[in-house]
């Protein structure tokens, strides 16, 4: 699973430890294909957003979107 996650993260140019931690954690929590899952459209949008330059910005946006999603789910 980790090797698969590393390959998938590389598709989004995520290679640093913080980015891999965020990506692999979301894979574990939401499922291996979370970035393409229609239940989590926010994840795919963030990862494919071409206006977000650089790994750190993309990872920060993914982390922020994940936190917002969890907060939303917990308030329902």
Protein backbone atom coordinates (compact mmCIF):
# COMPACT_ATOMS: atom_id res chain seq x y z
CA UNK A 1 0.00 0.00 0.00
CA UNK A 2 2.81 2.40 0.84
CA UNK A 3 4.64 1.70 -2.43
CA UNK A 4 1.38 2.26 -4.33
CA UNK A 5 0.85 5.52 -2.43
CA UNK A 6 4.35 6.72 -3.19
CA UNK A 7 3.77 6.12 -6.90
CA UNK A 8 0.42 7.92 -6.81
CA UNK A 9 1.82 10.88 -4.89
CA UNK A 10 4.61 11.21 -7.42
CA UNK A 11 1.96 11.84 -10.11
CA UNK A 12 1.24 15.10 -8.30
CA UNK A 13 4.93 15.89 -7.74
CA UNK A 14 4.64 15.13 -4.04
CA UNK A 15 7.95 13.75 -2.85
CA UNK A 16 8.81 15.49 0.44
CA UNK A 17 8.18 13.95 3.84
CA UNK A 18 5.35 16.34 4.82
CA UNK A 19 3.57 15.86 1.51
CA UNK A 20 3.93 12.11 1.58
CA UNK A 21 2.65 12.01 5.14
CA UNK A 22 -0.45 14.00 4.22
CA UNK A 23 -1.06 12.01 1.04
CA UNK A 24 -0.53 8.56 2.57
CA UNK A 25 -2.63 9.44 5.62
CA UNK A 26 -5.51 10.50 3.38
CA UNK A 27 -5.12 7.25 1.43
CA UNK A 28 -5.39 5.31 4.68
CA UNK A 29 -8.36 7.29 5.98
CA UNK A 30 -10.36 7.82 2.78
CA UNK A 31 -9.23 4.97 0.54
CA UNK A 32 -6.44 4.34 -1.93
CA UNK A 33 -8.16 6.21 -4.76
CA UNK A 34 -9.33 9.17 -2.69
CA UNK A 35 -7.95 11.60 -5.27
CA UNK A 36 -10.39 10.23 -7.87
CA UNK A 37 -13.28 9.29 -5.59
CA UNK A 38 -16.51 11.23 -6.26
CA UNK A 39 -17.14 11.22 -2.50
CA UNK A 40 -14.11 13.49 -2.05
CA UNK A 41 -14.12 15.81 -5.07
CA UNK A 42 -12.23 18.45 -3.11
CA UNK A 43 -9.12 16.22 -3.03
CA UNK A 44 -8.90 15.76 -6.77
CA UNK A 45 -9.59 19.43 -7.41
CA UNK A 46 -6.79 20.48 -5.08
CA UNK A 47 -4.28 18.00 -6.46
CA UNK A 48 -5.05 18.80 -10.11
CA UNK A 49 -5.21 22.58 -9.66
CA UNK A 50 -2.55 23.84 -12.05
CA UNK A 51 -2.59 27.32 -10.54
CA UNK A 52 -1.11 25.96 -7.30
CA UNK A 53 2.62 26.00 -7.97
CA UNK A 54 5.09 23.98 -5.98
CA UNK A 55 4.83 20.97 -3.78
CA UNK A 56 4.58 22.86 -0.50
CA UNK A 57 1.67 24.99 -1.74
CA UNK A 58 -0.15 21.95 -3.13
CA UNK A 59 0.36 19.98 0.08
CA UNK A 60 -0.73 22.94 2.22
CA UNK A 61 -3.89 23.30 0.11
CA UNK A 62 -4.60 19.56 0.37
CA UNK A 63 -4.08 19.61 4.13
CA UNK A 64 -6.31 22.66 4.51
CA UNK A 65 -9.04 21.08 2.36
CA UNK A 66 -8.87 17.86 4.37
CA UNK A 67 -9.17 19.74 7.67
CA UNK A 68 -12.16 21.70 6.30
CA UNK A 69 -13.78 18.45 5.16
CA UNK A 70 -13.34 16.82 8.58
CA UNK A 71 -14.67 19.92 10.34
CA UNK A 72 -17.70 19.93 8.06
CA UNK A 73 -18.39 16.24 8.61
CA UNK A 74 -18.09 16.59 12.39
CA UNK A 75 -20.57 19.46 12.51
CA UNK A 76 -23.31 17.59 10.65
